[in-house]
Protein backbone atom coordinates (compact mmCIF):
# COMPACT_ATOMS: atom_id res chain seq x y z
CA MET A 1 -0.03 -0.04 0.06
CA SER A 2 2.81 2.15 -0.53
CA GLY A 3 1.02 4.11 -3.63
CA MET A 4 -1.54 4.80 -1.52
CA MET A 5 0.68 6.73 1.04
CA ALA A 6 2.75 8.87 -1.33
CA SER A 7 -0.32 10.64 -2.70
CA LEU A 8 -2.48 10.35 1.51
CA ASP A 9 -1.34 13.88 2.52
CA GLN A 10 -2.81 15.64 -0.19
CA ALA A 11 -6.00 13.34 -1.02
CA LEU A 12 -6.79 13.83 3.08
CA ARG A 13 -6.33 17.96 2.57
CA GLU A 14 -8.62 18.04 -0.70
CA ALA A 15 -11.11 15.80 1.75
CA GLU A 16 -11.24 18.09 4.31
CA THR A 17 -11.66 20.98 2.27
CA GLY A 18 -14.94 19.05 1.21
CA SER A 19 -13.90 19.57 -2.62
CA VAL A 20 -13.32 15.67 -3.05
CA SER A 21 -16.39 13.19 -2.24
CA TYR A 22 -15.71 10.26 -0.15
CA LEU A 23 -16.13 8.10 -3.49
CA ASP A 24 -13.62 10.54 -5.19
CA TYR A 25 -11.21 10.13 -2.26
CA THR A 26 -11.06 6.49 -2.49
CA ILE A 27 -10.85 6.33 -6.06
CA ARG A 28 -7.85 8.37 -6.25
CA LEU A 29 -5.94 6.25 -3.73
CA LEU A 30 -6.64 3.25 -5.14
CA GLN A 31 -6.00 5.12 -8.51
CA SER A 32 -2.33 5.92 -7.23
CA GLU A 33 -1.70 2.42 -5.67
CA ALA A 34 -2.52 1.02 -8.91
CA LEU A 35 -0.30 3.06 -11.01
CA HIS A 36 2.78 2.37 -8.26
CA ARG A 37 2.08 -1.36 -8.51
CA GLU A 38 2.29 -1.22 -12.38
CA GLN A 39 5.36 1.35 -11.97
CA LYS A 40 6.89 -1.40 -9.64
CA ASP A 41 6.04 -4.45 -12.04
CA ALA A 42 7.77 -3.05 -15.00
CA GLU A 43 10.82 -2.14 -12.76
CA ARG A 44 10.68 -5.89 -11.64
CA ARG A 45 10.45 -7.23 -15.17
CA LEU A 46 13.34 -5.00 -16.48
CA LYS A 47 15.23 -6.29 -13.78
CA THR A 48 14.51 -9.94 -14.27
CA ALA A 49 15.25 -9.16 -18.15
CA HIS A 50 18.74 -8.65 -17.26
CA LEU A 51 18.68 -6.54 -20.38
CA PRO A 52 21.85 -4.49 -21.06
CA ARG A 53 21.49 -0.59 -19.43
CA VAL A 54 22.20 1.27 -22.34
CA ASN A 55 20.56 0.05 -25.94
CA ASP A 56 20.53 2.60 -28.78
CA LEU A 57 21.00 2.07 -32.67
CA ASN A 58 24.42 4.18 -32.53
CA MET A 59 25.44 0.73 -31.15
CA TYR A 60 23.82 -1.51 -33.72
CA ASP A 61 26.09 -2.75 -35.92
CA TYR A 62 24.70 -1.97 -39.32
CA ALA A 63 27.68 -4.30 -41.23
CA PHE A 64 26.07 -7.62 -39.56
CA ASP A 65 24.33 -9.73 -42.51
CA ASN A 66 21.97 -12.68 -41.22
């Protein structure tokens, strides 16, 4: 639930001022948690793939013939 913790303070301030309904407050927290989890999953998948850090077309060997 660390994704919710990152946006909790701002969401609480908005809820206290009354500018956000309880449903909107809950949806915002859940969306921030879902986004956080997606980002962490992507980071984990990249790490597991063991891809080289730097890949760009400058490193491509155009002389290589398939």
